[in-house]
């Protein structure tokens, strides 16, 4: 079953560019992962400290594997220094 994800990630003020570099580095390897159908990064139009990933995965298993991938672990290790608050992640299933 398809899984969609909305992940909000909020940088500490002044660290937007550093966080953007970490998040941007997730994109290319993630798009090559089995089951990744969409993985887009956005920045809030009114607040450059707020980033959002919109993701689509073929299955929950594919999403779970993504969460355990090496490139995600490397990036998450940088989060304590860069984030204003913990990420807010919403996992959604189609309401069919």
PDB file of N, CA and C in Angstrom:
ATOM      1  N   UNK A   1       0.841  -1.183   0.000  1.00  0.00           N
ATOM      2  CA  UNK A   1       0.000   0.000   0.000  1.00  0.00           C
ATOM      3  C   UNK A   1       0.888   1.249   0.000  1.00  0.00           C
ATOM      4  N   UNK A   2       0.544   2.203  -0.809  1.00  0.00           N
ATOM      5  CA  UNK A   2       1.279   3.471  -0.902  1.00  0.00           C
ATOM      6  C   UNK A   2       1.280   4.204   0.431  1.00  0.00           C
ATOM      7  N   UNK A   3       2.395   4.863   0.726  1.00  0.00           N
ATOM      8  CA  UNK A   3       2.547   5.656   1.943  1.00  0.00           C
ATOM      9  C   UNK A   3       3.050   7.034   1.546  1.00  0.00           C
ATOM     10  N   UNK A   4       2.426   8.074   2.064  1.00  0.00           N
ATOM     11  CA  UNK A   4       2.881   9.448   1.857  1.00  0.00           C
ATOM     12  C   UNK A   4       3.412   9.977   3.187  1.00  0.00           C
ATOM     13  N   UNK A   5       4.394  10.870   3.085  1.00  0.00           N
ATOM     14  CA  UNK A   5       5.005  11.441   4.279  1.00  0.00           C
ATOM     15  C   UNK A   5       5.127  12.945   4.095  1.00  0.00           C
ATOM     16  N   UNK A   6       4.829  13.669   5.166  1.00  0.00           N
ATOM     17  CA  UNK A   6       5.092  15.099   5.248  1.00  0.00           C
ATOM     18  C   UNK A   6       5.999  15.269   6.458  1.00  0.00           C
ATOM     19  N   UNK A   7       7.201  15.781   6.225  1.00  0.00           N
ATOM     20  CA  UNK A   7       8.177  15.945   7.310  1.00  0.00           C
ATOM     21  C   UNK A   7       8.586  17.408   7.397  1.00  0.00           C
ATOM     22  N   UNK A   8       8.303  18.021   8.543  1.00  0.00           N
ATOM     23  CA  UNK A   8       8.646  19.423   8.779  1.00  0.00           C
ATOM     24  C   UNK A   8       9.909  19.476   9.627  1.00  0.00           C
ATOM     25  N   UNK A   9      10.882  20.263   9.169  1.00  0.00           N
ATOM     26  CA  UNK A   9      12.179  20.350   9.828  1.00  0.00           C
ATOM     27  C   UNK A   9      12.514  21.834   9.974  1.00  0.00           C
ATOM     28  N   UNK A  10      12.786  22.258  11.213  1.00  0.00           N
ATOM     29  CA  UNK A  10      12.923  23.680  11.533  1.00  0.00           C
ATOM     30  C   UNK A  10      14.349  23.975  11.998  1.00  0.00           C
ATOM     31  N   UNK A  11      15.066  24.782  11.231  1.00  0.00           N
ATOM     32  CA  UNK A  11      16.453  25.144  11.556  1.00  0.00           C
ATOM     33  C   UNK A  11      16.518  26.171  12.677  1.00  0.00           C
ATOM     34  N   UNK A  12      17.610  26.110  13.418  1.00  0.00           N
ATOM     35  CA  UNK A  12      17.907  27.202  14.348  1.00  0.00           C
ATOM     36  C   UNK A  12      18.192  28.448  13.516  1.00  0.00           C
ATOM     37  N   UNK A  13      17.739  29.611  13.975  1.00  0.00           N
ATOM     38  CA  UNK A  13      18.014  30.846  13.231  1.00  0.00           C
ATOM     39  C   UNK A  13      19.513  31.007  12.964  1.00  0.00           C
ATOM     40  N   UNK A  14      19.820  31.356  11.733  1.00  0.00           N
ATOM     41  CA  UNK A  14      21.204  31.532  11.328  1.00  0.00           C
ATOM     42  C   UNK A  14      21.857  30.273  10.790  1.00  0.00           C
ATOM     43  N   UNK A  15      21.182  29.127  10.947  1.00  0.00           N
ATOM     44  CA  UNK A  15      21.752  27.858  10.478  1.00  0.00           C
ATOM     45  C   UNK A  15      20.973  27.273   9.300  1.00  0.00           C
ATOM     46  N   UNK A  16      20.187  28.115   8.648  1.00  0.00           N
ATOM     47  CA  UNK A  16      19.354  27.650   7.535  1.00  0.00           C
ATOM     48  C   UNK A  16      20.179  27.040   6.409  1.00  0.00           C
ATOM     49  N   UNK A  17      21.263  27.687   6.032  1.00  0.00           N
ATOM     50  CA  UNK A  17      22.060  27.185   4.911  1.00  0.00           C
ATOM     51  C   UNK A  17      22.736  25.864   5.245  1.00  0.00           C
ATOM     52  N   UNK A  18      23.196  25.720   6.481  1.00  0.00           N
ATOM     53  CA  UNK A  18      23.819  24.467   6.889  1.00  0.00           C
ATOM     54  C   UNK A  18      22.800  23.329   6.881  1.00  0.00           C
ATOM     55  N   UNK A  19      21.595  23.593   7.413  1.00  0.00           N
ATOM     56  CA  UNK A  19      20.560  22.562   7.405  1.00  0.00           C
ATOM     57  C   UNK A  19      20.130  22.249   5.977  1.00  0.00           C
ATOM     58  N   UNK A  20      19.977  23.268   5.156  1.00  0.00           N
ATOM     59  CA  UNK A  20      19.590  23.029   3.761  1.00  0.00           C
ATOM     60  C   UNK A  20      20.605  22.119   3.067  1.00  0.00           C
ATOM     61  N   UNK A  21      21.877  22.306   3.331  1.00  0.00           N
ATOM     62  CA  UNK A  21      22.908  21.453   2.727  1.00  0.00           C
ATOM     63  C   UNK A  21      22.747  19.999   3.171  1.00  0.00           C
ATOM     64  N   UNK A  22      22.464  19.794   4.455  1.00  0.00           N
ATOM     65  CA  UNK A  22      22.251  18.434   4.966  1.00  0.00           C
ATOM     66  C   UNK A  22      21.026  17.807   4.306  1.00  0.00           C
ATOM     67  N   UNK A  23      19.935  18.545   4.266  1.00  0.00           N
ATOM     68  CA  UNK A  23      18.692  18.012   3.701  1.00  0.00           C
ATOM     69  C   UNK A  23      18.811  17.763   2.198  1.00  0.00           C
ATOM     70  N   UNK A  24      19.460  18.664   1.502  1.00  0.00           N
ATOM     71  CA  UNK A  24      19.652  18.505   0.059  1.00  0.00           C
ATOM     72  C   UNK A  24      20.484  17.257  -0.238  1.00  0.00           C
ATOM     73  N   UNK A  25      21.433  16.950   0.628  1.00  0.00           N
ATOM     74  CA  UNK A  25      22.264  15.756   0.438  1.00  0.00           C
ATOM     75  C   UNK A  25      21.458  14.465   0.562  1.00  0.00           C
ATOM     76  N   UNK A  26      20.291  14.509   1.171  1.00  0.00           N
ATOM     77  CA  UNK A  26      19.426  13.327   1.267  1.00  0.00           C
ATOM     78  C   UNK A  26      18.799  12.967  -0.087  1.00  0.00           C
ATOM     79  N   UNK A  27      18.595  13.945  -0.945  1.00  0.00           N
ATOM     80  CA  UNK A  27      17.721  13.776  -2.110  1.00  0.00           C
ATOM     81  C   UNK A  27      18.232  12.738  -3.108  1.00  0.00           C
ATOM     82  N   UNK A  28      19.418  12.909  -3.652  1.00  0.00           N
ATOM     83  CA  UNK A  28      19.902  12.009  -4.713  1.00  0.00           C
ATOM     84  C   UNK A  28      19.937  10.548  -4.265  1.00  0.00           C
ATOM     85  N   UNK A  29      20.526  10.221  -3.104  1.00  0.00           N
ATOM     86  CA  UNK A  29      20.533   8.807  -2.718  1.00  0.00           C
ATOM     87  C   UNK A  29      19.141   8.264  -2.405  1.00  0.00           C
ATOM     88  N   UNK A  30      18.270   9.103  -1.860  1.00  0.00           N
ATOM     89  CA  UNK A  30      16.924   8.645  -1.546  1.00  0.00           C
ATOM     90  C   UNK A  30      16.147   8.315  -2.811  1.00  0.00           C
ATOM     91  N   UNK A  31      16.286   9.132  -3.838  1.00  0.00           N
ATOM     92  CA  UNK A  31      15.568   8.870  -5.093  1.00  0.00           C
ATOM     93  C   UNK A  31      15.979   7.547  -5.740  1.00  0.00           C
ATOM     94  N   UNK A  32      17.136   7.023  -5.369  1.00  0.00           N
ATOM     95  CA  UNK A  32      17.604   5.736  -5.894  1.00  0.00           C
ATOM     96  C   UNK A  32      17.131   4.554  -5.053  1.00  0.00           C
ATOM     97  N   UNK A  33      16.525   4.823  -3.909  1.00  0.00           N
ATOM     98  CA  UNK A  33      16.087   3.753  -3.015  1.00  0.00           C
ATOM     99  C   UNK A  33      14.891   3.007  -3.588  1.00  0.00           C
ATOM    100  N   UNK A  34      14.868   1.726  -3.300  1.00  0.00           N
ATOM    101  CA  UNK A  34      13.746   0.892  -3.730  1.00  0.00           C
ATOM    102  C   UNK A  34      12.449   1.401  -3.095  1.00  0.00           C
ATOM    103  N   UNK A  35      11.459   1.653  -3.914  1.00  0.00           N
ATOM    104  CA  UNK A  35      10.151   2.069  -3.418  1.00  0.00           C
ATOM    105  C   UNK A  35       9.945   3.569  -3.308  1.00  0.00           C
ATOM    106  N   UNK A  36      10.976   4.373  -3.541  1.00  0.00           N
ATOM    107  CA  UNK A  36      10.813   5.825  -3.488  1.00  0.00           C
ATOM    108  C   UNK A  36      10.144   6.302  -4.774  1.00  0.00           C
ATOM    109  N   UNK A  37       8.992   6.918  -4.639  1.00  0.00           N
ATOM    110  CA  UNK A  37       8.246   7.419  -5.792  1.00  0.00           C
ATOM    111  C   UNK A  37       8.316   8.940  -5.908  1.00  0.00           C
ATOM    112  N   UNK A  38       8.542   9.610  -4.788  1.00  0.00           N
ATOM    113  CA  UNK A  38       8.632  11.070  -4.771  1.00  0.00           C
ATOM    114  C   UNK A  38       9.366  11.473  -3.500  1.00  0.00           C
ATOM    115  N   UNK A  39      10.277  12.446  -3.631  1.00  0.00           N
ATOM    116  CA  UNK A  39      11.025  12.931  -2.470  1.00  0.00           C
ATOM    117  C   UNK A  39      11.433  14.361  -2.775  1.00  0.00           C
ATOM    118  N   UNK A  40      10.579  15.304  -2.403  1.00  0.00           N
ATOM    119  CA  UNK A  40      10.782  16.711  -2.739  1.00  0.00           C
ATOM    120  C   UNK A  40      10.977  17.547  -1.481  1.00  0.00           C
ATOM    121  N   UNK A  41      11.933  18.471  -1.549  1.00  0.00           N
ATOM    122  CA  UNK A  41      12.215  19.376  -0.439  1.00  0.00           C
ATOM    123  C   UNK A  41      11.721  20.774  -0.771  1.00  0.00           C
ATOM    124  N   UNK A  42      11.068  21.393   0.202  1.00  0.00           N
ATOM    125  CA  UNK A  42      10.534  22.744   0.055  1.00  0.00           C
ATOM    126  C   UNK A  42      10.999  23.606   1.219  1.00  0.00           C
ATOM    127  N   UNK A  43      11.042  24.918   0.990  1.00  0.00           N
ATOM    128  CA  UNK A  43      11.300  25.880   2.063  1.00  0.00           C
ATOM    129  C   UNK A  43      10.076  26.781   2.177  1.00  0.00           C
ATOM    130  N   UNK A  44       9.704  27.112   3.390  1.00  0.00           N
ATOM    131  CA  UNK A  44       8.536  27.951   3.644  1.00  0.00           C
ATOM    132  C   UNK A  44       8.719  29.312   2.975  1.00  0.00           C
ATOM    133  N   UNK A  45       7.711  29.785   2.290  1.00  0.00           N
ATOM    134  CA  UNK A  45       7.774  31.054   1.563  1.00  0.00           C
ATOM    135  C   UNK A  45       7.936  32.254   2.496  1.00  0.00           C
ATOM    136  N   UNK A  46       7.508  32.119   3.746  1.00  0.00           N
ATOM    137  CA  UNK A  46       7.559  33.237   4.685  1.00  0.00           C
ATOM    138  C   UNK A  46       8.585  33.064   5.804  1.00  0.00           C
ATOM    139  N   UNK A  47       9.172  31.870   5.917  1.00  0.00           N
ATOM    140  CA  UNK A  47      10.125  31.621   7.000  1.00  0.00           C
ATOM    141  C   UNK A  47      11.221  30.686   6.492  1.00  0.00           C
ATOM    142  N   UNK A  48      12.379  31.223   6.158  1.00  0.00           N
ATOM    143  CA  UNK A  48      13.444  30.407   5.569  1.00  0.00           C
ATOM    144  C   UNK A  48      14.066  29.393   6.534  1.00  0.00           C
ATOM    145  N   UNK A  49      13.644  29.394   7.803  1.00  0.00           N
ATOM    146  CA  UNK A  49      14.144  28.384   8.735  1.00  0.00           C
ATOM    147  C   UNK A  49      13.327  27.092   8.677  1.00  0.00           C
ATOM    148  N   UNK A  50      12.209  27.113   7.952  1.00  0.00           N
ATOM    149  CA  UNK A  50      11.295  25.959   7.928  1.00  0.00           C
ATOM    150  C   UNK A  50      11.370  25.230   6.587  1.00  0.00           C
ATOM    151  N   UNK A  51      11.712  23.936   6.678  1.00  0.00           N
ATOM    152  CA  UNK A  51      11.806  23.074   5.507  1.00  0.00           C
ATOM    153  C   UNK A  51      10.769  21.964   5.611  1.00  0.00           C
ATOM    154  N   UNK A  52      10.308  21.489   4.463  1.00  0.00           N
ATOM    155  CA  UNK A  52       9.343  20.397   4.430  1.00  0.00           C
ATOM    156  C   UNK A  52       9.712  19.430   3.319  1.00  0.00           C
ATOM    157  N   UNK A  53       9.755  18.148   3.668  1.00  0.00           N
ATOM    158  CA  UNK A  53       9.842  17.091   2.671  1.00  0.00           C
ATOM    159  C   UNK A  53       8.434  16.577   2.404  1.00  0.00           C
ATOM    160  N   UNK A  54       8.112  16.397   1.123  1.00  0.00           N
ATOM    161  CA  UNK A  54       6.900  15.698   0.696  1.00  0.00           C
ATOM    162  C   UNK A  54       7.397  14.426   0.027  1.00  0.00           C
ATOM    163  N   UNK A  55       6.987  13.287   0.563  1.00  0.00           N
ATOM    164  CA  UNK A  55       7.511  12.007   0.101  1.00  0.00           C
ATOM    165  C   UNK A  55       6.367  11.066  -0.274  1.00  0.00           C
ATOM    166  N   UNK A  56       6.668  10.155  -1.188  1.00  0.00           N
ATOM    167  CA  UNK A  56       5.725   9.096  -1.527  1.00  0.00           C
ATOM    168  C   UNK A  56       6.523   7.809  -1.680  1.00  0.00           C
ATOM    169  N   UNK A  57       6.050   6.778  -1.022  1.00  0.00           N
ATOM    170  CA  UNK A  57       6.720   5.482  -0.990  1.00  0.00           C
ATOM    171  C   UNK A  57       5.761   4.392  -1.441  1.00  0.00           C
ATOM    172  N   UNK A  58       6.291   3.354  -2.055  1.00  0.00           N
ATOM    173  CA  UNK A  58       5.470   2.254  -2.551  1.00  0.00           C
ATOM    174  C   UNK A  58       4.867   1.436  -1.414  1.00  0.00           C
ATOM    175  N   UNK A  59       5.523   1.442  -0.252  1.00  0.00           N
ATOM    176  CA  UNK A  59       5.044   0.644   0.879  1.00  0.00           C
ATOM    177  C   UNK A  59       5.629   1.172   2.183  1.00  0.00           C
ATOM    178  N   UNK A  60       5.048   0.726   3.276  1.00  0.00           N
ATOM    179  CA  UNK A  60       5.584   1.082   4.595  1.00  0.00           C
ATOM    180  C   UNK A  60       6.977   0.475   4.776  1.00  0.00           C
ATOM    181  N   UNK A  61       7.174  -0.704   4.220  1.00  0.00           N
ATOM    182  CA  UNK A  61       8.473  -1.366   4.311  1.00  0.00           C
ATOM    183  C   UNK A  61       9.563  -0.529   3.625  1.00  0.00           C
ATOM    184  N   UNK A  62       9.237   0.036   2.465  1.00  0.00           N
ATOM    185  CA  UNK A  62      10.199   0.887   1.755  1.00  0.00           C
ATOM    186  C   UNK A  62      10.521   2.130   2.586  1.00  0.00           C
ATOM    187  N   UNK A  63       9.514   2.721   3.203  1.00  0.00           N
ATOM    188  CA  UNK A  63       9.734   3.880   4.067  1.00  0.00           C
ATOM    189  C   UNK A  63      10.602   3.509   5.259  1.00  0.00           C
ATOM    190  N   UNK A  64      10.313   2.374   5.882  1.00  0.00           N
ATOM    191  CA  UNK A  64      11.095   1.937   7.037  1.00  0.00           C
ATOM    192  C   UNK A  64      12.558   1.713   6.658  1.00  0.00           C
ATOM    193  N   UNK A  65      12.799   1.132   5.487  1.00  0.00           N
ATOM    194  CA  UNK A  65      14.173   0.915   5.022  1.00  0.00           C
ATOM    195  C   UNK A  65      14.871   2.258   4.804  1.00  0.00           C
ATOM    196  N   UNK A  66      14.147   3.228   4.267  1.00  0.00           N
ATOM    197  CA  UNK A  66      14.697   4.571   4.075  1.00  0.00           C
ATOM    198  C   UNK A  66      15.172   5.151   5.404  1.00  0.00           C
ATOM    199  N   UNK A  67      14.360   5.001   6.425  1.00  0.00           N
ATOM    200  CA  UNK A  67      14.707   5.530   7.744  1.00  0.00           C
ATOM    201  C   UNK A  67      15.961   4.915   8.335  1.00  0.00           C
ATOM    202  N   UNK A  68      16.341   3.739   7.856  1.00  0.00           N
ATOM    203  CA  UNK A  68      17.529   3.037   8.349  1.00  0.00           C
ATOM    204  C   UNK A  68      18.731   3.205   7.419  1.00  0.00           C
ATOM    205  N   UNK A  69      18.581   3.968   6.352  1.00  0.00           N
ATOM    206  CA  UNK A  69      19.658   4.101   5.372  1.00  0.00           C
ATOM    207  C   UNK A  69      20.824   4.910   5.932  1.00  0.00           C
ATOM    208  N   UNK A  70      22.006   4.650   5.397  1.00  0.00           N
ATOM    209  CA  UNK A  70      23.221   5.285   5.900  1.00  0.00           C
ATOM    210  C   UNK A  70      23.208   6.799   5.705  1.00  0.00           C
ATOM    211  N   UNK A  71      22.769   7.266   4.544  1.00  0.00           N
ATOM    212  CA  UNK A  71      22.795   8.715   4.304  1.00  0.00           C
ATOM    213  C   UNK A  71      21.846   9.464   5.231  1.00  0.00           C
ATOM    214  N   UNK A  72      20.744   8.848   5.598  1.00  0.00           N
ATOM    215  CA  UNK A  72      19.823   9.479   6.546  1.00  0.00           C
ATOM    216  C   UNK A  72      20.454   9.504   7.939  1.00  0.00           C
ATOM    217  N   UNK A  73      21.094   8.419   8.336  1.00  0.00           N
ATOM    218  CA  UNK A  73      21.750   8.372   9.646  1.00  0.00           C
ATOM    219  C   UNK A  73      22.842   9.429   9.757  1.00  0.00           C
ATOM    220  N   UNK A  74      23.617   9.600   8.705  1.00  0.00           N
ATOM    221  CA  UNK A  74      24.684  10.604   8.711  1.00  0.00           C
ATOM    222  C   UNK A  74      24.096  12.005   8.873  1.00  0.00           C
ATOM    223  N   UNK A  75      23.026  12.301   8.143  1.00  0.00           N
ATOM    224  CA  UNK A  75      22.392  13.608   8.250  1.00  0.00           C
ATOM    225  C   UNK A  75      21.739  13.841   9.598  1.00  0.00           C
ATOM    226  N   UNK A  76      21.057  12.823  10.100  1.00  0.00           N
ATOM    227  CA  UNK A  76      20.391  12.959  11.403  1.00  0.00           C
ATOM    228  C   UNK A  76      21.402  13.217  12.526  1.00  0.00           C
ATOM    229  N   UNK A  77      22.605  12.710  12.375  1.00  0.00           N
ATOM    230  CA  UNK A  77      23.637  12.944  13.392  1.00  0.00           C
ATOM    231  C   UNK A  77      23.957  14.432  13.523  1.00  0.00           C
ATOM    232  N   UNK A  78      23.697  15.194  12.491  1.00  0.00           N
ATOM    233  CA  UNK A  78      23.949  16.645  12.517  1.00  0.00           C
ATOM    234  C   UNK A  78      22.766  17.438  13.091  1.00  0.00           C
ATOM    235  N   UNK A  79      21.598  16.807  13.181  1.00  0.00           N
ATOM    236  CA  UNK A  79      20.386  17.506  13.604  1.00  0.00           C
ATOM    237  C   UNK A  79      20.494  18.197  14.960  1.00  0.00           C
ATOM    238  N   UNK A  80      21.071  17.597  15.993  1.00  0.00           N
ATOM    239  CA  UNK A  80      21.089  18.279  17.296  1.00  0.00           C
ATOM    240  C   UNK A  80      21.705  19.676  17.251  1.00  0.00           C
ATOM    241  N   UNK A  81      22.689  19.876  16.403  1.00  0.00           N
ATOM    242  CA  UNK A  81      23.330  21.188  16.297  1.00  0.00           C
ATOM    243  C   UNK A  81      22.547  22.165  15.428  1.00  0.00           C
ATOM    244  N   UNK A  82      21.697  21.654  14.551  1.00  0.00           N
ATOM    245  CA  UNK A  82      21.065  22.495  13.531  1.00  0.00           C
ATOM    246  C   UNK A  82      19.584  22.779  13.739  1.00  0.00           C
ATOM    247  N   UNK A  83      18.891  21.917  14.479  1.00  0.00           N
ATOM    248  CA  UNK A  83      17.428  22.036  14.570  1.00  0.00           C
ATOM    249  C   UNK A  83      16.967  22.841  15.777  1.00  0.00           C
ATOM    250  N   UNK A  84      15.942  23.643  15.546  1.00  0.00           N
ATOM    251  CA  UNK A  84      15.322  24.428  16.614  1.00  0.00           C
ATOM    252  C   UNK A  84      14.404  23.569  17.476  1.00  0.00           C
ATOM    253  N   UNK A  85      13.912  22.470  16.900  1.00  0.00           N
ATOM    254  CA  UNK A  85      12.991  21.567  17.589  1.00  0.00           C
ATOM    255  C   UNK A  85      13.034  20.224  16.858  1.00  0.00           C
ATOM    256  N   UNK A  86      12.543  19.165  17.476  1.00  0.00           N
ATOM    257  CA  UNK A  86      12.541  17.877  16.777  1.00  0.00           C
ATOM    258  C   UNK A  86      11.692  17.942  15.510  1.00  0.00           C
ATOM    259  N   UNK A  87      12.057  17.178  14.479  1.00  0.00           N
ATOM    260  CA  UNK A  87      11.237  17.143  13.262  1.00  0.00           C
ATOM    261  C   UNK A  87       9.825  16.646  13.591  1.00  0.00           C
ATOM    262  N   UNK A  88       8.865  17.149  12.842  1.00  0.00           N
ATOM    263  CA  UNK A  88       7.488  16.682  12.953  1.00  0.00           C
ATOM    264  C   UNK A  88       7.187  15.910  11.669  1.00  0.00           C
ATOM    265  N   UNK A  89       6.964  14.605  11.811  1.00  0.00           N
ATOM    266  CA  UNK A  89       6.781  13.734  10.657  1.00  0.00           C
ATOM    267  C   UNK A  89       5.387  13.113  10.711  1.00  0.00           C
ATOM    268  N   UNK A  90       4.670  13.238   9.607  1.00  0.00           N
ATOM    269  CA  UNK A  90       3.331  12.663   9.490  1.00  0.00           C
ATOM    270  C   UNK A  90       3.362  11.607   8.397  1.00  0.00           C
ATOM    271  N   UNK A  91       2.976  10.370   8.741  1.00  0.00           N
ATOM    272  CA  UNK A  91       2.901   9.272   7.791  1.00  0.00           C
ATOM    273  C   UNK A  91       1.426   9.060   7.469  1.00  0.00           C
ATOM    274  N   UNK A  92       1.123   9.055   6.171  1.00  0.00           N
ATOM    275  CA  UNK A  92      -0.270   9.022   5.714  1.00  0.00           C
ATOM    276  C   UNK A  92      -0.514   7.851   4.791  1.00  0.00           C
ATOM    277  N   UNK A  93      -1.679   7.211   4.950  1.00  0.00           N
ATOM    278  CA  UNK A  93      -2.130   6.191   4.021  1.00  0.00           C
ATOM    279  C   UNK A  93      -3.340   6.735   3.264  1.00  0.00           C
ATOM    280  N   UNK A  94      -3.538   6.303   2.003  1.00  0.00           N
ATOM    281  CA  UNK A  94      -4.709   6.763   1.255  1.00  0.00           C
ATOM    282  C   UNK A  94      -6.006   6.380   1.986  1.00  0.00           C
ATOM    283  N   UNK A  95      -6.957   7.272   1.991  1.00  0.00           N
ATOM    284  CA  UNK A  95      -8.239   7.035   2.658  1.00  0.00           C
ATOM    285  C   UNK A  95      -9.215   6.405   1.685  1.00  0.00           C
ATOM    286  N   UNK A  96      -8.851   5.250   1.194  1.00  0.00           N
ATOM    287  CA  UNK A  96      -9.710   4.562   0.206  1.00  0.00           C
ATOM    288  C   UNK A  96     -10.570   3.537   0.878  1.00  0.00           C
TER     289      UNK A  96
END
